[in-house]
Amino acid sequence: MIVENYQTNCAVIVVHEIYGINQNIKDICRSLKEYGFDVFCPNLLQKDMVFGYSEEKEAYQNYMEKVGVTAAVLEIESLISSIKDNYQKVFVVGFSIGATVSWLCSGVKGVHGVVGYYGSRIRDFVDITPKCPVLLFFPQEERSLNVDELISSLDKRNN
């Protein structure tokens, strides 16, 4: 787990994509730290394993077989629970499958906001009603879903 803890009043939990804690995620964590946040980024792969972007199929298979969305949500919920009393605000930021995990944590007590980038699996969880503000970014087109329909469905929810 990456922990950039400088005892500020605001924490950001970064939820990585299927590739693990790669250089992109490390750079995001460093950037958030430079903006004055305490940053936590648990390694959901449970190993020092990192996949390259060219290994998408292997990374996806590994994530789904060895981690899974449910276990990832439970791990992030546990982290939220363990840090929330130390901060005035806790935010969760996720990328790809991590955005879906972040979306699923939007109702967890102690979370003040969620940001998700390209969480196409959110389509499987449109019944969630966030209890905090959520900002989601989607591509204009996605081969696995109709982005406009998903956005329309989510726009009907509070937060």
C-alpha atoms as a PDB file:
ATOM      1  CA  MET A   1       0.000   0.000   0.000  1.00  0.00           C
ATOM      2  CA  ILE A   2       1.165   3.484  -0.785  1.00  0.00           C
ATOM      3  CA  VAL A   3       0.682   5.779   2.186  1.00  0.00           C
ATOM      4  CA  GLU A   4       1.537   9.443   1.872  1.00  0.00           C
ATOM      5  CA  ASN A   5       0.588  10.598   5.345  1.00  0.00           C
ATOM      6  CA  TYR A   6       1.436  14.102   6.441  1.00  0.00           C
ATOM      7  CA  GLN A   7      -1.373  14.397   8.968  1.00  0.00           C
ATOM      8  CA  THR A   8      -3.567  16.806   7.060  1.00  0.00           C
ATOM      9  CA  ASN A   9      -7.308  17.058   7.705  1.00  0.00           C
ATOM     10  CA  CYS A  10      -8.260  15.463   4.394  1.00  0.00           C
ATOM     11  CA  ALA A  11      -7.529  11.973   3.074  1.00  0.00           C
ATOM     12  CA  VAL A  12      -7.888  10.521  -0.406  1.00  0.00           C
ATOM     13  CA  ILE A  13      -8.102   6.793  -0.983  1.00  0.00           C
ATOM     14  CA  VAL A  14      -6.953   5.893  -4.491  1.00  0.00           C
ATOM     15  CA  VAL A  15      -8.403   2.668  -5.918  1.00  0.00           C
ATOM     16  CA  HIS A  16      -6.261   1.349  -8.753  1.00  0.00           C
ATOM     17  CA  GLU A  17      -7.362  -0.353 -11.932  1.00  0.00           C
ATOM     18  CA  ILE A  18      -6.841  -4.045 -12.811  1.00  0.00           C
ATOM     19  CA  TYR A  19      -3.150  -3.441 -13.548  1.00  0.00           C
ATOM     20  CA  GLY A  20      -2.175  -2.799  -9.936  1.00  0.00           C
ATOM     21  CA  ILE A  21      -0.159   0.073  -8.541  1.00  0.00           C
ATOM     22  CA  ASN A  22       1.633   1.033 -11.730  1.00  0.00           C
ATOM     23  CA  GLN A  23       3.534   4.226 -12.481  1.00  0.00           C
ATOM     24  CA  ASN A  24       0.352   6.057 -13.466  1.00  0.00           C
ATOM     25  CA  ILE A  25      -1.255   5.344 -10.076  1.00  0.00           C
ATOM     26  CA  LYS A  26       1.970   6.262  -8.262  1.00  0.00           C
ATOM     27  CA  ASP A  27       2.032   9.576 -10.142  1.00  0.00           C
ATOM     28  CA  ILE A  28      -1.595  10.272  -9.218  1.00  0.00           C
ATOM     29  CA  CYS A  29      -0.840   9.541  -5.548  1.00  0.00           C
ATOM     30  CA  ARG A  30       2.184  11.836  -5.636  1.00  0.00           C
ATOM     31  CA  SER A  31       0.156  14.600  -7.278  1.00  0.00           C
ATOM     32  CA  LEU A  32      -2.605  14.353  -4.676  1.00  0.00           C
ATOM     33  CA  LYS A  33       0.015  14.512  -1.924  1.00  0.00           C
ATOM     34  CA  GLU A  34       1.460  17.651  -3.517  1.00  0.00           C
ATOM     35  CA  TYR A  35      -2.015  19.205  -3.354  1.00  0.00           C
ATOM     36  CA  GLY A  36      -1.971  18.661   0.399  1.00  0.00           C
ATOM     37  CA  PHE A  37      -3.945  15.455   0.883  1.00  0.00           C
ATOM     38  CA  ASP A  38      -2.979  12.399   2.876  1.00  0.00           C
ATOM     39  CA  VAL A  39      -3.081   9.589   0.333  1.00  0.00           C
ATOM     40  CA  PHE A  40      -3.802   5.900   0.812  1.00  0.00           C
ATOM     41  CA  CYS A  41      -3.598   3.430  -2.057  1.00  0.00           C
ATOM     42  CA  PRO A  42      -4.008  -0.200  -1.016  1.00  0.00           C
ATOM     43  CA  ASN A  43      -2.637  -2.851  -3.332  1.00  0.00           C
ATOM     44  CA  LEU A  44      -5.744  -4.876  -4.080  1.00  0.00           C
ATOM     45  CA  LEU A  45      -3.711  -7.469  -5.972  1.00  0.00           C
ATOM     46  CA  GLN A  46      -2.179  -8.515  -2.633  1.00  0.00           C
ATOM     47  CA  LYS A  47       1.244  -8.809  -4.214  1.00  0.00           C
ATOM     48  CA  ASP A  48       3.832  -6.520  -5.701  1.00  0.00           C
ATOM     49  CA  MET A  49       2.373  -7.606  -9.010  1.00  0.00           C
ATOM     50  CA  VAL A  50       1.918  -4.971 -11.702  1.00  0.00           C
ATOM     51  CA  PHE A  51       0.628  -5.636 -15.191  1.00  0.00           C
ATOM     52  CA  GLY A  52       1.492  -3.612 -18.264  1.00  0.00           C
ATOM     53  CA  TYR A  53      -1.288  -2.097 -20.338  1.00  0.00           C
ATOM     54  CA  SER A  54      -0.472  -4.612 -23.072  1.00  0.00           C
ATOM     55  CA  GLU A  55      -1.412  -7.400 -20.625  1.00  0.00           C
ATOM     56  CA  GLU A  56      -5.060  -6.389 -20.318  1.00  0.00           C
ATOM     57  CA  LYS A  57      -6.505  -9.900 -20.641  1.00  0.00           C
ATOM     58  CA  GLU A  58      -4.132 -11.370 -18.060  1.00  0.00           C
ATOM     59  CA  ALA A  59      -4.667  -8.444 -15.694  1.00  0.00           C
ATOM     60  CA  TYR A  60      -8.457  -8.708 -15.982  1.00  0.00           C
ATOM     61  CA  GLN A  61      -8.425 -12.460 -15.420  1.00  0.00           C
ATOM     62  CA  ASN A  62      -6.120 -12.111 -12.415  1.00  0.00           C
ATOM     63  CA  TYR A  63      -8.242  -9.341 -10.887  1.00  0.00           C
ATOM     64  CA  MET A  64     -11.530 -11.172 -11.313  1.00  0.00           C
ATOM     65  CA  GLU A  65     -10.200 -14.532 -10.119  1.00  0.00           C
ATOM     66  CA  LYS A  66      -7.968 -13.396  -7.253  1.00  0.00           C
ATOM     67  CA  VAL A  67      -9.561 -10.133  -6.110  1.00  0.00           C
ATOM     68  CA  GLY A  68     -13.074  -9.498  -7.393  1.00  0.00           C
ATOM     69  CA  VAL A  69     -15.271  -6.483  -6.897  1.00  0.00           C
ATOM     70  CA  THR A  70     -16.784  -7.686  -3.614  1.00  0.00           C
ATOM     71  CA  ALA A  71     -13.428  -8.281  -1.912  1.00  0.00           C
ATOM     72  CA  ALA A  72     -12.111  -4.963  -3.211  1.00  0.00           C
ATOM     73  CA  VAL A  73     -15.134  -3.099  -1.806  1.00  0.00           C
ATOM     74  CA  LEU A  74     -14.686  -4.820   1.554  1.00  0.00           C
ATOM     75  CA  GLU A  75     -11.011  -3.849   1.657  1.00  0.00           C
ATOM     76  CA  ILE A  76     -11.751  -0.207   0.825  1.00  0.00           C
ATOM     77  CA  GLU A  77     -14.610  -0.121   3.357  1.00  0.00           C
ATOM     78  CA  SER A  78     -12.240  -1.479   6.000  1.00  0.00           C
ATOM     79  CA  LEU A  79      -9.658   1.178   5.162  1.00  0.00           C
ATOM     80  CA  ILE A  80     -12.319   3.902   5.334  1.00  0.00           C
ATOM     81  CA  SER A  81     -13.410   2.636   8.722  1.00  0.00           C
ATOM     82  CA  SER A  82      -9.844   2.610  10.019  1.00  0.00           C
ATOM     83  CA  ILE A  83      -9.002   6.194   8.967  1.00  0.00           C
ATOM     84  CA  LYS A  84     -12.273   8.156   8.993  1.00  0.00           C
ATOM     85  CA  ASP A  85     -11.982   9.334  12.607  1.00  0.00           C
ATOM     86  CA  ASN A  86      -8.570  10.880  11.876  1.00  0.00           C
ATOM     87  CA  TYR A  87      -9.826  13.196   9.125  1.00  0.00           C
ATOM     88  CA  GLN A  88     -12.420  15.880   8.629  1.00  0.00           C
ATOM     89  CA  LYS A  89     -12.983  14.605   5.099  1.00  0.00           C
ATOM     90  CA  VAL A  90     -12.311  11.320   3.291  1.00  0.00           C
ATOM     91  CA  PHE A  91     -12.602  11.010  -0.481  1.00  0.00           C
ATOM     92  CA  VAL A  92     -12.361   7.922  -2.668  1.00  0.00           C
ATOM     93  CA  VAL A  93     -10.962   8.200  -6.200  1.00  0.00           C
ATOM     94  CA  GLY A  94     -11.005   5.203  -8.520  1.00  0.00           C
ATOM     95  CA  PHE A  95      -9.904   4.279 -11.998  1.00  0.00           C
ATOM     96  CA  SER A  96     -11.661   1.755 -14.253  1.00  0.00           C
ATOM     97  CA  ILE A  97     -12.638  -1.169 -11.984  1.00  0.00           C
ATOM     98  CA  GLY A  98     -11.470   1.032  -9.120  1.00  0.00           C
ATOM     99  CA  ALA A  99     -14.110   3.584 -10.170  1.00  0.00           C
ATOM    100  CA  THR A 100     -16.749   0.887  -9.817  1.00  0.00           C
ATOM    101  CA  VAL A 101     -15.397  -0.023  -6.379  1.00  0.00           C
ATOM    102  CA  SER A 102     -15.417   3.674  -5.444  1.00  0.00           C
ATOM    103  CA  TRP A 103     -19.017   3.996  -6.661  1.00  0.00           C
ATOM    104  CA  LEU A 104     -19.987   1.077  -4.433  1.00  0.00           C
ATOM    105  CA  CYS A 105     -18.349   2.839  -1.475  1.00  0.00           C
ATOM    106  CA  SER A 106     -20.340   6.037  -2.023  1.00  0.00           C
ATOM    107  CA  GLY A 107     -22.753   5.022   0.699  1.00  0.00           C
ATOM    108  CA  VAL A 108     -20.167   4.169   3.329  1.00  0.00           C
ATOM    109  CA  LYS A 109     -20.273   6.244   6.499  1.00  0.00           C
ATOM    110  CA  GLY A 110     -17.297   8.573   6.627  1.00  0.00           C
ATOM    111  CA  VAL A 111     -16.963   9.112   2.863  1.00  0.00           C
ATOM    112  CA  HIS A 112     -17.457  12.734   1.863  1.00  0.00           C
ATOM    113  CA  GLY A 113     -17.068  12.379  -1.892  1.00  0.00           C
ATOM    114  CA  VAL A 114     -16.234   9.963  -4.698  1.00  0.00           C
ATOM    115  CA  VAL A 115     -14.603  10.511  -8.071  1.00  0.00           C
ATOM    116  CA  GLY A 116     -14.577   7.734 -10.652  1.00  0.00           C
ATOM    117  CA  TYR A 117     -12.842   7.595 -13.997  1.00  0.00           C
ATOM    118  CA  TYR A 118     -14.129   5.213 -16.672  1.00  0.00           C
ATOM    119  CA  GLY A 119     -15.962   2.787 -14.399  1.00  0.00           C
ATOM    120  CA  SER A 120     -17.852   0.853 -17.064  1.00  0.00           C
ATOM    121  CA  ARG A 121     -18.903  -1.831 -14.553  1.00  0.00           C
ATOM    122  CA  ILE A 122     -20.979   0.785 -12.768  1.00  0.00           C
ATOM    123  CA  ARG A 123     -23.607  -0.339 -15.270  1.00  0.00           C
ATOM    124  CA  ASP A 124     -24.025  -3.457 -13.105  1.00  0.00           C
ATOM    125  CA  PHE A 125     -24.789  -1.336 -10.029  1.00  0.00           C
ATOM    126  CA  VAL A 126     -27.104   1.445 -11.212  1.00  0.00           C
ATOM    127  CA  ASP A 127     -29.429   0.755  -8.281  1.00  0.00           C
ATOM    128  CA  ILE A 128     -26.938   2.385  -5.887  1.00  0.00           C
ATOM    129  CA  THR A 129     -27.983   5.748  -4.476  1.00  0.00           C
ATOM    130  CA  PRO A 130     -24.900   7.602  -3.233  1.00  0.00           C
ATOM    131  CA  LYS A 131     -24.970   9.204   0.186  1.00  0.00           C
ATOM    132  CA  CYS A 132     -22.250  11.686  -0.768  1.00  0.00           C
ATOM    133  CA  PRO A 133     -21.455  13.743  -3.872  1.00  0.00           C
ATOM    134  CA  VAL A 134     -20.116  11.647  -6.749  1.00  0.00           C
ATOM    135  CA  LEU A 135     -18.370  12.829  -9.895  1.00  0.00           C
ATOM    136  CA  LEU A 136     -18.089  10.228 -12.651  1.00  0.00           C
ATOM    137  CA  PHE A 137     -16.151  10.521 -15.896  1.00  0.00           C
ATOM    138  CA  PHE A 138     -17.042   8.281 -18.844  1.00  0.00           C
ATOM    139  CA  PRO A 139     -15.664   8.034 -22.360  1.00  0.00           C
ATOM    140  CA  GLN A 140     -17.807   9.247 -25.233  1.00  0.00           C
ATOM    141  CA  GLU A 141     -17.985   5.673 -26.482  1.00  0.00           C
ATOM    142  CA  GLU A 142     -17.433   2.333 -24.802  1.00  0.00           C
ATOM    143  CA  ARG A 143     -17.698  -0.974 -26.624  1.00  0.00           C
ATOM    144  CA  SER A 144     -19.215  -2.778 -23.616  1.00  0.00           C
ATOM    145  CA  LEU A 145     -22.079  -0.363 -22.916  1.00  0.00           C
ATOM    146  CA  ASN A 146     -24.198   2.506 -24.129  1.00  0.00           C
ATOM    147  CA  VAL A 147     -22.614   5.429 -22.300  1.00  0.00           C
ATOM    148  CA  ASP A 148     -25.511   7.827 -22.905  1.00  0.00           C
ATOM    149  CA  GLU A 149     -28.044   5.366 -21.450  1.00  0.00           C
ATOM    150  CA  LEU A 150     -25.859   4.780 -18.381  1.00  0.00           C
ATOM    151  CA  ILE A 151     -25.417   8.499 -17.780  1.00  0.00           C
ATOM    152  CA  SER A 152     -29.153   9.063 -18.206  1.00  0.00           C
ATOM    153  CA  SER A 153     -29.885   6.338 -15.667  1.00  0.00           C
ATOM    154  CA  LEU A 154     -27.383   7.738 -13.154  1.00  0.00           C
ATOM    155  CA  ASP A 155     -28.560  11.336 -13.599  1.00  0.00           C
ATOM    156  CA  LYS A 156     -31.850  10.372 -11.945  1.00  0.00           C
ATOM    157  CA  ARG A 157     -30.098   9.732  -8.630  1.00  0.00           C
ATOM    158  CA  ASN A 158     -29.289  12.198  -5.886  1.00  0.00           C
ATOM    159  CA  ASN A 159     -25.661  13.272  -5.428  1.00  0.00           C
END
